[in-house]
Amino acid sequence: MKIEFEHEYLRELYEEGKASGKKYRFQPQVIKQYRKVVDLLYDAPNTEYLYLHKSLHYEKKQGTLAEIEAVYVNMQYRLEFRSRLEGTEPDVITICSLLDLSNHYKK
């Protein structure tokens, strides 16, 4: 898949291992796991491939969040994204647009 970053802090976390804003500070093990998940998204040919990795708990949201999909980074954090297809057969590319790295249990 091709990856796009909706927010600069997601790009910084992936490329540099830290974000410049104080709001987006994460523990080192969360950043390490986030980078692994993004690498796996890069390598995935499409979103259906994510079902094969049970530890990701890939899901398509329903209701008001119907256009959003999510995978687990760890038991506490989720990576939310949107995916779309571009191109025509046989050259269809899945583009994954990363939205947020969120604490699943924090309100």
PDB file of N, CA and C in Angstrom:
ATOM      1  N   MET A   1       0.829  -1.176   0.000  1.00  0.00           N
ATOM      2  CA  MET A   1       0.000   0.000   0.000  1.00  0.00           C
ATOM      3  C   MET A   1       0.878   1.245   0.000  1.00  0.00           C
ATOM      4  N   LYS A   2       0.333   2.278  -0.499  1.00  0.00           N
ATOM      5  CA  LYS A   2       0.990   3.573  -0.423  1.00  0.00           C
ATOM      6  C   LYS A   2       0.474   4.262   0.844  1.00  0.00           C
ATOM      7  N   ILE A   3       1.356   4.888   1.601  1.00  0.00           N
ATOM      8  CA  ILE A   3       0.995   5.496   2.872  1.00  0.00           C
ATOM      9  C   ILE A   3       1.041   7.017   2.760  1.00  0.00           C
ATOM     10  N   GLU A   4      -0.007   7.660   3.254  1.00  0.00           N
ATOM     11  CA  GLU A   4      -0.044   9.117   3.383  1.00  0.00           C
ATOM     12  C   GLU A   4      -0.247   9.438   4.860  1.00  0.00           C
ATOM     13  N   PHE A   5       0.354  10.514   5.318  1.00  0.00           N
ATOM     14  CA  PHE A   5       0.218  10.928   6.706  1.00  0.00           C
ATOM     15  C   PHE A   5      -0.660  12.173   6.757  1.00  0.00           C
ATOM     16  N   GLU A   6      -1.798  12.081   7.440  1.00  0.00           N
ATOM     17  CA  GLU A   6      -2.711  13.225   7.565  1.00  0.00           C
ATOM     18  C   GLU A   6      -2.134  14.296   8.485  1.00  0.00           C
ATOM     19  N   HIS A   7      -1.384  13.888   9.496  1.00  0.00           N
ATOM     20  CA  HIS A   7      -0.811  14.811  10.469  1.00  0.00           C
ATOM     21  C   HIS A   7       0.705  14.662  10.491  1.00  0.00           C
ATOM     22  N   GLU A   8       1.373  15.781  10.664  1.00  0.00           N
ATOM     23  CA  GLU A   8       2.832  15.792  10.640  1.00  0.00           C
ATOM     24  C   GLU A   8       3.428  14.958  11.782  1.00  0.00           C
ATOM     25  N   TYR A   9       2.774  14.927  12.927  1.00  0.00           N
ATOM     26  CA  TYR A   9       3.332  14.169  14.054  1.00  0.00           C
ATOM     27  C   TYR A   9       3.408  12.675  13.747  1.00  0.00           C
ATOM     28  N   LEU A  10       2.504  12.152  12.927  1.00  0.00           N
ATOM     29  CA  LEU A  10       2.570  10.741  12.542  1.00  0.00           C
ATOM     30  C   LEU A  10       3.785  10.475  11.662  1.00  0.00           C
ATOM     31  N   ARG A  11       4.082  11.407  10.758  1.00  0.00           N
ATOM     32  CA  ARG A  11       5.278  11.274   9.912  1.00  0.00           C
ATOM     33  C   ARG A  11       6.543  11.345  10.772  1.00  0.00           C
ATOM     34  N   GLU A  12       6.586  12.302  11.693  1.00  0.00           N
ATOM     35  CA  GLU A  12       7.755  12.459  12.566  1.00  0.00           C
ATOM     36  C   GLU A  12       7.978  11.216  13.420  1.00  0.00           C
ATOM     37  N   LEU A  13       6.897  10.665  13.969  1.00  0.00           N
ATOM     38  CA  LEU A  13       7.034   9.449  14.775  1.00  0.00           C
ATOM     39  C   LEU A  13       7.608   8.312  13.950  1.00  0.00           C
ATOM     40  N   TYR A  14       7.162   8.211  12.711  1.00  0.00           N
ATOM     41  CA  TYR A  14       7.646   7.116  11.860  1.00  0.00           C
ATOM     42  C   TYR A  14       9.080   7.343  11.409  1.00  0.00           C
ATOM     43  N   GLU A  15       9.395   8.535  10.940  1.00  0.00           N
ATOM     44  CA  GLU A  15      10.705   8.790  10.355  1.00  0.00           C
ATOM     45  C   GLU A  15      11.786   9.081  11.387  1.00  0.00           C
ATOM     46  N   GLU A  16      11.446   9.830  12.449  1.00  0.00           N
ATOM     47  CA  GLU A  16      12.449  10.263  13.416  1.00  0.00           C
ATOM     48  C   GLU A  16      12.360   9.544  14.754  1.00  0.00           C
ATOM     49  N   GLY A  17      11.240   8.883  15.019  1.00  0.00           N
ATOM     50  CA  GLY A  17      11.076   8.187  16.285  1.00  0.00           C
ATOM     51  C   GLY A  17      10.589   9.081  17.410  1.00  0.00           C
ATOM     52  N   LYS A  18      10.277  10.320  17.105  1.00  0.00           N
ATOM     53  CA  LYS A  18       9.706  11.231  18.095  1.00  0.00           C
ATOM     54  C   LYS A  18       9.004  12.359  17.356  1.00  0.00           C
ATOM     55  N   ALA A  19       8.075  13.006  18.073  1.00  0.00           N
ATOM     56  CA  ALA A  19       7.345  14.129  17.494  1.00  0.00           C
ATOM     57  C   ALA A  19       7.809  15.416  18.145  1.00  0.00           C
ATOM     58  N   SER A  20       7.777  16.504  17.398  1.00  0.00           N
ATOM     59  CA  SER A  20       8.272  17.773  17.911  1.00  0.00           C
ATOM     60  C   SER A  20       7.300  18.411  18.903  1.00  0.00           C
ATOM     61  N   GLY A  21       6.013  18.141  18.783  1.00  0.00           N
ATOM     62  CA  GLY A  21       5.033  18.739  19.686  1.00  0.00           C
ATOM     63  C   GLY A  21       4.953  18.005  21.013  1.00  0.00           C
ATOM     64  N   LYS A  22       4.781  18.762  22.080  1.00  0.00           N
ATOM     65  CA  LYS A  22       4.687  18.153  23.410  1.00  0.00           C
ATOM     66  C   LYS A  22       3.417  17.325  23.564  1.00  0.00           C
ATOM     67  N   LYS A  23       2.407  17.643  22.795  1.00  0.00           N
ATOM     68  CA  LYS A  23       1.140  16.921  22.887  1.00  0.00           C
ATOM     69  C   LYS A  23       1.280  15.468  22.444  1.00  0.00           C
ATOM     70  N   TYR A  24       2.226  15.197  21.563  1.00  0.00           N
ATOM     71  CA  TYR A  24       2.353  13.872  20.965  1.00  0.00           C
ATOM     72  C   TYR A  24       3.588  13.144  21.475  1.00  0.00           C
ATOM     73  N   ARG A  25       3.678  12.977  22.762  1.00  0.00           N
ATOM     74  CA  ARG A  25       4.769  12.208  23.351  1.00  0.00           C
ATOM     75  C   ARG A  25       4.264  10.811  23.669  1.00  0.00           C
ATOM     76  N   PHE A  26       5.016   9.837  23.228  1.00  0.00           N
ATOM     77  CA  PHE A  26       4.654   8.450  23.453  1.00  0.00           C
ATOM     78  C   PHE A  26       5.848   7.715  24.048  1.00  0.00           C
ATOM     79  N   GLN A  27       5.568   6.620  24.713  1.00  0.00           N
ATOM     80  CA  GLN A  27       6.623   5.793  25.272  1.00  0.00           C
ATOM     81  C   GLN A  27       7.402   5.136  24.127  1.00  0.00           C
ATOM     82  N   PRO A  28       8.711   4.880  24.354  1.00  0.00           N
ATOM     83  CA  PRO A  28       9.538   4.301  23.279  1.00  0.00           C
ATOM     84  C   PRO A  28       8.997   2.988  22.723  1.00  0.00           C
ATOM     85  N   GLN A  29       8.438   2.132  23.559  1.00  0.00           N
ATOM     86  CA  GLN A  29       7.920   0.863  23.045  1.00  0.00           C
ATOM     87  C   GLN A  29       6.680   1.066  22.170  1.00  0.00           C
ATOM     88  N   VAL A  30       5.896   2.116  22.436  1.00  0.00           N
ATOM     89  CA  VAL A  30       4.735   2.424  21.589  1.00  0.00           C
ATOM     90  C   VAL A  30       5.209   2.912  20.226  1.00  0.00           C
ATOM     91  N   ILE A  31       6.232   3.762  20.209  1.00  0.00           N
ATOM     92  CA  ILE A  31       6.772   4.276  18.946  1.00  0.00           C
ATOM     93  C   ILE A  31       7.381   3.134  18.130  1.00  0.00           C
ATOM     94  N   LYS A  32       8.092   2.253  18.781  1.00  0.00           N
ATOM     95  CA  LYS A  32       8.706   1.118  18.091  1.00  0.00           C
ATOM     96  C   LYS A  32       7.634   0.231  17.450  1.00  0.00           C
ATOM     97  N   GLN A  33       6.578  -0.036  18.186  1.00  0.00           N
ATOM     98  CA  GLN A  33       5.501  -0.872  17.660  1.00  0.00           C
ATOM     99  C   GLN A  33       4.734  -0.140  16.560  1.00  0.00           C
ATOM    100  N   TYR A  34       4.555   1.169  16.703  1.00  0.00           N
ATOM    101  CA  TYR A  34       3.901   1.981  15.667  1.00  0.00           C
ATOM    102  C   TYR A  34       4.678   1.880  14.353  1.00  0.00           C
ATOM    103  N   ARG A  35       5.995   1.992  14.432  1.00  0.00           N
ATOM    104  CA  ARG A  35       6.815   1.897  13.219  1.00  0.00           C
ATOM    105  C   ARG A  35       6.683   0.516  12.572  1.00  0.00           C
ATOM    106  N   LYS A  36       6.598  -0.538  13.379  1.00  0.00           N
ATOM    107  CA  LYS A  36       6.418  -1.886  12.846  1.00  0.00           C
ATOM    108  C   LYS A  36       5.082  -2.008  12.118  1.00  0.00           C
ATOM    109  N   VAL A  37       4.034  -1.442  12.708  1.00  0.00           N
ATOM    110  CA  VAL A  37       2.702  -1.512  12.097  1.00  0.00           C
ATOM    111  C   VAL A  37       2.679  -0.735  10.783  1.00  0.00           C
ATOM    112  N   VAL A  38       3.283   0.445  10.744  1.00  0.00           N
ATOM    113  CA  VAL A  38       3.321   1.220   9.497  1.00  0.00           C
ATOM    114  C   VAL A  38       4.127   0.473   8.435  1.00  0.00           C
ATOM    115  N   ASP A  39       5.231  -0.157   8.818  1.00  0.00           N
ATOM    116  CA  ASP A  39       6.000  -0.970   7.868  1.00  0.00           C
ATOM    117  C   ASP A  39       5.146  -2.108   7.309  1.00  0.00           C
ATOM    118  N   LEU A  40       4.352  -2.712   8.163  1.00  0.00           N
ATOM    119  CA  LEU A  40       3.479  -3.797   7.714  1.00  0.00           C
ATOM    120  C   LEU A  40       2.429  -3.265   6.741  1.00  0.00           C
ATOM    121  N   LEU A  41       1.917  -2.059   6.998  1.00  0.00           N
ATOM    122  CA  LEU A  41       0.966  -1.444   6.067  1.00  0.00           C
ATOM    123  C   LEU A  41       1.627  -1.163   4.717  1.00  0.00           C
ATOM    124  N   TYR A  42       2.886  -0.690   4.734  1.00  0.00           N
ATOM    125  CA  TYR A  42       3.628  -0.469   3.482  1.00  0.00           C
ATOM    126  C   TYR A  42       3.716  -1.761   2.671  1.00  0.00           C
ATOM    127  N   ASP A  43       3.973  -2.868   3.353  1.00  0.00           N
ATOM    128  CA  ASP A  43       4.180  -4.144   2.670  1.00  0.00           C
ATOM    129  C   ASP A  43       2.891  -4.831   2.241  1.00  0.00           C
ATOM    130  N   ALA A  44       1.769  -4.432   2.821  1.00  0.00           N
ATOM    131  CA  ALA A  44       0.494  -5.083   2.517  1.00  0.00           C
ATOM    132  C   ALA A  44       0.018  -4.695   1.119  1.00  0.00           C
ATOM    133  N   PRO A  45      -0.406  -5.654   0.316  1.00  0.00           N
ATOM    134  CA  PRO A  45      -0.908  -5.329  -1.022  1.00  0.00           C
ATOM    135  C   PRO A  45      -2.282  -4.660  -0.983  1.00  0.00           C
ATOM    136  N   ASN A  46      -3.088  -4.977   0.043  1.00  0.00           N
ATOM    137  CA  ASN A  46      -4.432  -4.400   0.196  1.00  0.00           C
ATOM    138  C   ASN A  46      -4.886  -4.560   1.645  1.00  0.00           C
ATOM    139  N   THR A  47      -6.039  -4.021   1.965  1.00  0.00           N
ATOM    140  CA  THR A  47      -6.504  -4.077   3.353  1.00  0.00           C
ATOM    141  C   THR A  47      -6.934  -5.484   3.763  1.00  0.00           C
ATOM    142  N   GLU A  48      -7.370  -6.302   2.842  1.00  0.00           N
ATOM    143  CA  GLU A  48      -7.758  -7.673   3.178  1.00  0.00           C
ATOM    144  C   GLU A  48      -6.579  -8.469   3.733  1.00  0.00           C
ATOM    145  N   TYR A  49      -5.395  -8.112   3.330  1.00  0.00           N
ATOM    146  CA  TYR A  49      -4.173  -8.758   3.830  1.00  0.00           C
ATOM    147  C   TYR A  49      -4.038  -8.589   5.336  1.00  0.00           C
ATOM    148  N   LEU A  50      -4.555  -7.498   5.874  1.00  0.00           N
ATOM    149  CA  LEU A  50      -4.436  -7.209   7.302  1.00  0.00           C
ATOM    150  C   LEU A  50      -5.211  -8.202   8.156  1.00  0.00           C
ATOM    151  N   TYR A  51      -6.236  -8.844   7.599  1.00  0.00           N
ATOM    152  CA  TYR A  51      -6.980  -9.862   8.340  1.00  0.00           C
ATOM    153  C   TYR A  51      -6.103 -11.056   8.687  1.00  0.00           C
ATOM    154  N   LEU A  52      -5.062 -11.298   7.899  1.00  0.00           N
ATOM    155  CA  LEU A  52      -4.179 -12.439   8.149  1.00  0.00           C
ATOM    156  C   LEU A  52      -3.325 -12.258   9.404  1.00  0.00           C
ATOM    157  N   HIS A  53      -3.125 -11.022   9.820  1.00  0.00           N
ATOM    158  CA  HIS A  53      -2.331 -10.723  11.011  1.00  0.00           C
ATOM    159  C   HIS A  53      -3.284 -10.514  12.179  1.00  0.00           C
ATOM    160  N   LYS A  54      -3.560 -11.582  12.896  1.00  0.00           N
ATOM    161  CA  LYS A  54      -4.547 -11.552  13.976  1.00  0.00           C
ATOM    162  C   LYS A  54      -4.189 -10.550  15.066  1.00  0.00           C
ATOM    163  N   SER A  55      -2.905 -10.329  15.321  1.00  0.00           N
ATOM    164  CA  SER A  55      -2.495  -9.424  16.392  1.00  0.00           C
ATOM    165  C   SER A  55      -2.859  -7.971  16.108  1.00  0.00           C
ATOM    166  N   LEU A  56      -3.125  -7.638  14.848  1.00  0.00           N
ATOM    167  CA  LEU A  56      -3.503  -6.272  14.501  1.00  0.00           C
ATOM    168  C   LEU A  56      -4.963  -5.956  14.835  1.00  0.00           C
ATOM    169  N   HIS A  57      -5.796  -6.981  14.927  1.00  0.00           N
ATOM    170  CA  HIS A  57      -7.223  -6.794  15.189  1.00  0.00           C
ATOM    171  C   HIS A  57      -7.816  -5.767  14.218  1.00  0.00           C
ATOM    172  N   TYR A  58      -7.525  -5.955  12.944  1.00  0.00           N
ATOM    173  CA  TYR A  58      -8.010  -5.029  11.914  1.00  0.00           C
ATOM    174  C   TYR A  58      -9.529  -4.984  11.924  1.00  0.00           C
ATOM    175  N   GLU A  59     -10.078  -3.771  11.871  1.00  0.00           N
ATOM    176  CA  GLU A  59     -11.525  -3.630  11.831  1.00  0.00           C
ATOM    177  C   GLU A  59     -11.923  -2.397  11.037  1.00  0.00           C
ATOM    178  N   LYS A  60     -13.064  -2.511  10.405  1.00  0.00           N
ATOM    179  CA  LYS A  60     -13.689  -1.369   9.749  1.00  0.00           C
ATOM    180  C   LYS A  60     -14.750  -0.869  10.717  1.00  0.00           C
ATOM    181  N   LYS A  61     -14.701   0.415  11.013  1.00  0.00           N
ATOM    182  CA  LYS A  61     -15.643   0.999  11.969  1.00  0.00           C
ATOM    183  C   LYS A  61     -17.039   1.068  11.365  1.00  0.00           C
ATOM    184  N   GLN A  62     -18.020   1.188  12.246  1.00  0.00           N
ATOM    185  CA  GLN A  62     -19.406   1.264  11.814  1.00  0.00           C
ATOM    186  C   GLN A  62     -20.063   2.501  12.396  1.00  0.00           C
ATOM    187  N   GLY A  63     -21.235   2.814  11.919  1.00  0.00           N
ATOM    188  CA  GLY A  63     -21.978   3.956  12.436  1.00  0.00           C
ATOM    189  C   GLY A  63     -21.401   5.271  11.954  1.00  0.00           C
ATOM    190  N   THR A  64     -21.200   6.207  12.884  1.00  0.00           N
ATOM    191  CA  THR A  64     -20.698   7.535  12.519  1.00  0.00           C
ATOM    192  C   THR A  64     -19.248   7.499  12.046  1.00  0.00           C
ATOM    193  N   LEU A  65     -18.521   6.447  12.375  1.00  0.00           N
ATOM    194  CA  LEU A  65     -17.116   6.305  11.960  1.00  0.00           C
ATOM    195  C   LEU A  65     -16.966   5.324  10.802  1.00  0.00           C
ATOM    196  N   ALA A  66     -17.990   5.187   9.986  1.00  0.00           N
ATOM    197  CA  ALA A  66     -18.031   4.149   8.960  1.00  0.00           C
ATOM    198  C   ALA A  66     -16.871   4.204   7.970  1.00  0.00           C
ATOM    199  N   GLU A  67     -16.304   5.361   7.718  1.00  0.00           N
ATOM    200  CA  GLU A  67     -15.223   5.459   6.727  1.00  0.00           C
ATOM    201  C   GLU A  67     -13.849   5.182   7.328  1.00  0.00           C
ATOM    202  N   ILE A  68     -13.777   4.965   8.619  1.00  0.00           N
ATOM    203  CA  ILE A  68     -12.495   4.783   9.302  1.00  0.00           C
ATOM    204  C   ILE A  68     -12.226   3.307   9.565  1.00  0.00           C
ATOM    205  N   GLU A  69     -10.953   2.931   9.420  1.00  0.00           N
ATOM    206  CA  GLU A  69     -10.496   1.587   9.737  1.00  0.00           C
ATOM    207  C   GLU A  69      -9.429   1.712  10.815  1.00  0.00           C
ATOM    208  N   ALA A  70      -9.173   0.623  11.547  1.00  0.00           N
ATOM    209  CA  ALA A  70      -8.203   0.697  12.642  1.00  0.00           C
ATOM    210  C   ALA A  70      -7.477  -0.625  12.810  1.00  0.00           C
ATOM    211  N   VAL A  71      -6.241  -0.518  13.290  1.00  0.00           N
ATOM    212  CA  VAL A  71      -5.445  -1.683  13.700  1.00  0.00           C
ATOM    213  C   VAL A  71      -4.836  -1.370  15.062  1.00  0.00           C
ATOM    214  N   TYR A  72      -4.572  -2.408  15.826  1.00  0.00           N
ATOM    215  CA  TYR A  72      -3.925  -2.229  17.123  1.00  0.00           C
ATOM    216  C   TYR A  72      -2.440  -1.989  16.929  1.00  0.00           C
ATOM    217  N   VAL A  73      -1.900  -1.039  17.651  1.00  0.00           N
ATOM    218  CA  VAL A  73      -0.455  -0.873  17.747  1.00  0.00           C
ATOM    219  C   VAL A  73       0.026  -1.725  18.921  1.00  0.00           C
ATOM    220  N   ASN A  74      -0.695  -1.622  20.023  1.00  0.00           N
ATOM    221  CA  ASN A  74      -0.538  -2.521  21.160  1.00  0.00           C
ATOM    222  C   ASN A  74      -1.900  -2.620  21.823  1.00  0.00           C
ATOM    223  N   MET A  75      -1.972  -3.154  23.020  1.00  0.00           N
ATOM    224  CA  MET A  75      -3.269  -3.328  23.670  1.00  0.00           C
ATOM    225  C   MET A  75      -3.912  -2.003  24.068  1.00  0.00           C
ATOM    226  N   GLN A  76      -3.154  -0.929  24.095  1.00  0.00           N
ATOM    227  CA  GLN A  76      -3.678   0.360  24.527  1.00  0.00           C
ATOM    228  C   GLN A  76      -3.913   1.330  23.367  1.00  0.00           C
ATOM    229  N   TYR A  77      -3.071   1.309  22.348  1.00  0.00           N
ATOM    230  CA  TYR A  77      -3.127   2.284  21.259  1.00  0.00           C
ATOM    231  C   TYR A  77      -3.608   1.656  19.957  1.00  0.00           C
ATOM    232  N   ARG A  78      -4.355   2.460  19.200  1.00  0.00           N
ATOM    233  CA  ARG A  78      -4.823   2.066  17.876  1.00  0.00           C
ATOM    234  C   ARG A  78      -4.342   3.070  16.848  1.00  0.00           C
ATOM    235  N   LEU A  79      -4.111   2.583  15.655  1.00  0.00           N
ATOM    236  CA  LEU A  79      -3.783   3.436  14.522  1.00  0.00           C
ATOM    237  C   LEU A  79      -5.016   3.481  13.630  1.00  0.00           C
ATOM    238  N   GLU A  80      -5.584   4.671  13.484  1.00  0.00           N
ATOM    239  CA  GLU A  80      -6.780   4.848  12.670  1.00  0.00           C
ATOM    240  C   GLU A  80      -6.379   5.367  11.295  1.00  0.00           C
ATOM    241  N   PHE A  81      -7.064   4.879  10.265  1.00  0.00           N
ATOM    242  CA  PHE A  81      -6.737   5.277   8.900  1.00  0.00           C
ATOM    243  C   PHE A  81      -7.942   5.135   7.993  1.00  0.00           C
ATOM    244  N   ARG A  82      -7.836   5.726   6.807  1.00  0.00           N
ATOM    245  CA  ARG A  82      -8.799   5.556   5.723  1.00  0.00           C
ATOM    246  C   ARG A  82      -8.055   4.921   4.562  1.00  0.00           C
ATOM    247  N   SER A  83      -8.739   4.072   3.838  1.00  0.00           N
ATOM    248  CA  SER A  83      -8.112   3.499   2.644  1.00  0.00           C
ATOM    249  C   SER A  83      -9.003   3.757   1.445  1.00  0.00           C
ATOM    250  N   ARG A  84      -8.360   3.870   0.303  1.00  0.00           N
ATOM    251  CA  ARG A  84      -9.100   4.062  -0.942  1.00  0.00           C
ATOM    252  C   ARG A  84      -8.301   3.414  -2.073  1.00  0.00           C
ATOM    253  N   LEU A  85      -9.001   3.073  -3.131  1.00  0.00           N
ATOM    254  CA  LEU A  85      -8.374   2.473  -4.303  1.00  0.00           C
ATOM    255  C   LEU A  85      -8.228   3.525  -5.378  1.00  0.00           C
ATOM    256  N   GLU A  86      -7.088   3.500  -6.054  1.00  0.00           N
ATOM    257  CA  GLU A  86      -6.863   4.404  -7.188  1.00  0.00           C
ATOM    258  C   GLU A  86      -6.315   3.601  -8.349  1.00  0.00           C
ATOM    259  N   GLY A  87      -6.673   4.016  -9.537  1.00  0.00           N
ATOM    260  CA  GLY A  87      -6.191   3.349 -10.737  1.00  0.00           C
ATOM    261  C   GLY A  87      -7.244   2.420 -11.302  1.00  0.00           C
ATOM    262  N   THR A  88      -6.884   1.769 -12.396  1.00  0.00           N
ATOM    263  CA  THR A  88      -7.776   0.818 -13.045  1.00  0.00           C
ATOM    264  C   THR A  88      -7.104  -0.541 -13.081  1.00  0.00           C
ATOM    265  N   GLU A  89      -7.915  -1.583 -13.214  1.00  0.00           N
ATOM    266  CA  GLU A  89      -7.375  -2.945 -13.274  1.00  0.00           C
ATOM    267  C   GLU A  89      -6.372  -3.051 -14.408  1.00  0.00           C
ATOM    268  N   PRO A  90      -5.307  -3.726 -14.339  1.00  0.00           N
ATOM    269  CA  PRO A  90      -4.778  -4.467 -13.197  1.00  0.00           C
ATOM    270  C   PRO A  90      -3.864  -3.619 -12.306  1.00  0.00           C
ATOM    271  N   ASP A  91      -3.804  -2.315 -12.542  1.00  0.00           N
ATOM    272  CA  ASP A  91      -2.879  -1.449 -11.814  1.00  0.00           C
ATOM    273  C   ASP A  91      -3.579  -0.671 -10.691  1.00  0.00           C
ATOM    274  N   VAL A  92      -4.348  -1.365  -9.889  1.00  0.00           N
ATOM    275  CA  VAL A  92      -5.049  -0.724  -8.782  1.00  0.00           C
ATOM    276  C   VAL A  92      -4.090  -0.601  -7.605  1.00  0.00           C
ATOM    277  N   ILE A  93      -4.044   0.578  -7.004  1.00  0.00           N
ATOM    278  CA  ILE A  93      -3.187   0.833  -5.848  1.00  0.00           C
ATOM    279  C   ILE A  93      -4.083   1.189  -4.669  1.00  0.00           C
ATOM    280  N   THR A  94      -3.799   0.582  -3.525  1.00  0.00           N
ATOM    281  CA  THR A  94      -4.512   0.940  -2.304  1.00  0.00           C
ATOM    282  C   THR A  94      -3.712   2.017  -1.595  1.00  0.00           C
ATOM    283  N   ILE A  95      -4.375   3.125  -1.301  1.00  0.00           N
ATOM    284  CA  ILE A  95      -3.731   4.227  -0.588  1.00  0.00           C
ATOM    285  C   ILE A  95      -4.295   4.272   0.814  1.00  0.00           C
ATOM    286  N   CYS A  96      -3.413   4.250   1.767  1.00  0.00           N
ATOM    287  CA  CYS A  96      -3.783   4.242   3.176  1.00  0.00           C
ATOM    288  C   CYS A  96      -3.415   5.598   3.766  1.00  0.00           C
ATOM    289  N   SER A  97      -4.397   6.333   4.236  1.00  0.00           N
ATOM    290  CA  SER A  97      -4.181   7.659   4.795  1.00  0.00           C
ATOM    291  C   SER A  97      -4.286   7.578   6.317  1.00  0.00           C
ATOM    292  N   LEU A  98      -3.143   7.706   7.009  1.00  0.00           N
ATOM    293  CA  LEU A  98      -3.108   7.570   8.467  1.00  0.00           C
ATOM    294  C   LEU A  98      -3.717   8.799   9.122  1.00  0.00           C
ATOM    295  N   LEU A  99      -4.653   8.589  10.031  1.00  0.00           N
ATOM    296  CA  LEU A  99      -5.389   9.668  10.673  1.00  0.00           C
ATOM    297  C   LEU A  99      -4.894   9.994  12.069  1.00  0.00           C
ATOM    298  N   ASP A 100      -4.739   8.964  12.915  1.00  0.00           N
ATOM    299  CA  ASP A 100      -4.452   9.244  14.312  1.00  0.00           C
ATOM    300  C   ASP A 100      -3.896   8.005  15.004  1.00  0.00           C
ATOM    301  N   LEU A 101      -3.034   8.262  15.968  1.00  0.00           N
ATOM    302  CA  LEU A 101      -2.558   7.234  16.885  1.00  0.00           C
ATOM    303  C   LEU A 101      -3.235   7.562  18.203  1.00  0.00           C
ATOM    304  N   SER A 102      -4.253   6.778  18.559  1.00  0.00           N
ATOM    305  CA  SER A 102      -5.090   7.157  19.686  1.00  0.00           C
ATOM    306  C   SER A 102      -5.044   6.137  20.802  1.00  0.00           C
ATOM    307  N   ASN A 103      -5.201   6.643  22.007  1.00  0.00           N
ATOM    308  CA  ASN A 103      -5.314   5.804  23.178  1.00  0.00           C
ATOM    309  C   ASN A 103      -6.742   5.286  23.205  1.00  0.00           C
ATOM    310  N   HIS A 104      -6.896   4.000  23.023  1.00  0.00           N
ATOM    311  CA  HIS A 104      -8.210   3.406  22.868  1.00  0.00           C
ATOM    312  C   HIS A 104      -9.094   3.567  24.105  1.00  0.00           C
ATOM    313  N   TYR A 105      -8.514   3.574  25.280  1.00  0.00           N
ATOM    314  CA  TYR A 105      -9.306   3.573  26.498  1.00  0.00           C
ATOM    315  C   TYR A 105      -9.437   4.952  27.138  1.00  0.00           C
ATOM    316  N   LYS A 106      -8.801   5.957  26.589  1.00  0.00           N
ATOM    317  CA  LYS A 106      -8.857   7.293  27.146  1.00  0.00           C
ATOM    318  C   LYS A 106     -10.011   8.056  26.506  1.00  0.00           C
ATOM    319  N   LYS A 107     -10.789   8.694  27.289  1.00  0.00           N
ATOM    320  CA  LYS A 107     -11.943   9.452  26.781  1.00  0.00           C
ATOM    321  C   LYS A 107     -11.575  10.889  26.559  1.00  0.00           C
TER     322      LYS A 107
END
